[in-house]
Structure formats: C-alpha cells, structure tokens
C-alpha cells in the first residue's frame, strides 16, 4: 500500500515538474524567443525552429 502511494506521488511530481518547465519557455516569435535562439547553437535547432526564426526574427 505504502509503495503504491510513493509511486503515485513520484509520478505526480514528475508530471508537475514537466508542466512547470514547459510554461517557462518564451512564446515562439517573441523578442525573448529570438534572443534565446540566437544564443542556441545552430546544430541544435529543429527544422520548425529554423523556419519560425526566419519568419519571425529575420524578416
């Protein structure tokens, strides 16, 4: 019984942490997002990030 409670609490904490970290990212296309992308190595960009950067930050 105690093992199931610990497991449930762990899963809840993990999910809560993931949702919290997701909410910390700036909105795509914002000045903050563009600045973050300029700092991020180009080799780590996804195709969608490159497209959005070109559309929102260069043009």
Protein backbone atom coordinates (compact mmCIF):
# COMPACT_ATOMS: atom_id res chain seq x y z
CA UNK A 1 0.00 0.00 0.00
CA UNK A 2 2.73 2.49 1.03
CA UNK A 3 4.71 1.54 -2.08
CA UNK A 4 1.76 2.48 -4.32
CA UNK A 5 1.36 5.85 -2.59
CA UNK A 6 5.06 6.64 -3.05
CA UNK A 7 4.87 5.65 -6.71
CA UNK A 8 1.79 7.82 -7.26
CA UNK A 9 3.43 10.82 -5.59
CA UNK A 10 6.56 10.36 -7.69
CA UNK A 11 4.56 10.23 -10.93
CA UNK A 12 2.57 13.32 -9.91
CA UNK A 13 5.74 15.25 -9.01
CA UNK A 14 7.38 14.27 -12.29
CA UNK A 15 4.35 15.37 -14.30
CA UNK A 16 4.05 18.63 -12.38
CA UNK A 17 7.73 19.40 -12.98
CA UNK A 18 7.40 18.75 -16.71
CA UNK A 19 4.37 21.04 -16.99
CA UNK A 20 6.06 23.76 -14.96
CA UNK A 21 9.18 23.73 -17.12
CA UNK A 22 7.11 23.86 -20.29
CA UNK A 23 5.43 27.04 -19.12
CA UNK A 24 8.78 28.79 -18.71
CA UNK A 25 9.62 28.95 -22.40
CA UNK A 26 9.02 32.27 -24.16
CA UNK A 27 6.35 32.39 -26.86
CA UNK A 28 7.62 31.45 -30.32
CA UNK A 29 8.32 34.58 -32.32
CA UNK A 30 8.68 36.88 -29.31
CA UNK A 31 11.78 39.04 -28.81
CA UNK A 32 12.84 36.80 -25.91
CA UNK A 33 12.46 33.67 -28.05
CA UNK A 34 14.53 35.24 -30.86
CA UNK A 35 17.25 36.16 -28.36
CA UNK A 36 17.24 32.61 -26.94
CA UNK A 37 17.53 31.14 -30.43
CA UNK A 38 20.48 33.42 -31.27
CA UNK A 39 22.26 32.01 -28.21
CA UNK A 40 21.39 28.37 -29.01
CA UNK A 41 23.91 26.52 -31.23
CA UNK A 42 22.57 26.25 -34.79
CA UNK A 43 23.24 22.50 -34.82
CA UNK A 44 20.65 22.03 -32.07
CA UNK A 45 17.82 23.81 -33.91
CA UNK A 46 14.91 21.77 -35.21
CA UNK A 47 13.55 22.38 -38.71
CA UNK A 48 10.48 24.07 -37.22
CA UNK A 49 12.63 26.35 -35.04
CA UNK A 50 14.71 27.39 -38.05
CA UNK A 51 11.56 28.14 -40.05
CA UNK A 52 9.99 30.17 -37.23
CA UNK A 53 13.26 32.04 -36.58
CA UNK A 54 13.50 33.03 -40.24
CA UNK A 55 9.85 34.07 -40.36
CA UNK A 56 9.74 35.99 -37.06
CA UNK A 57 13.26 37.19 -36.35
CA UNK A 58 14.86 37.90 -39.73
CA UNK A 59 12.03 39.12 -41.94
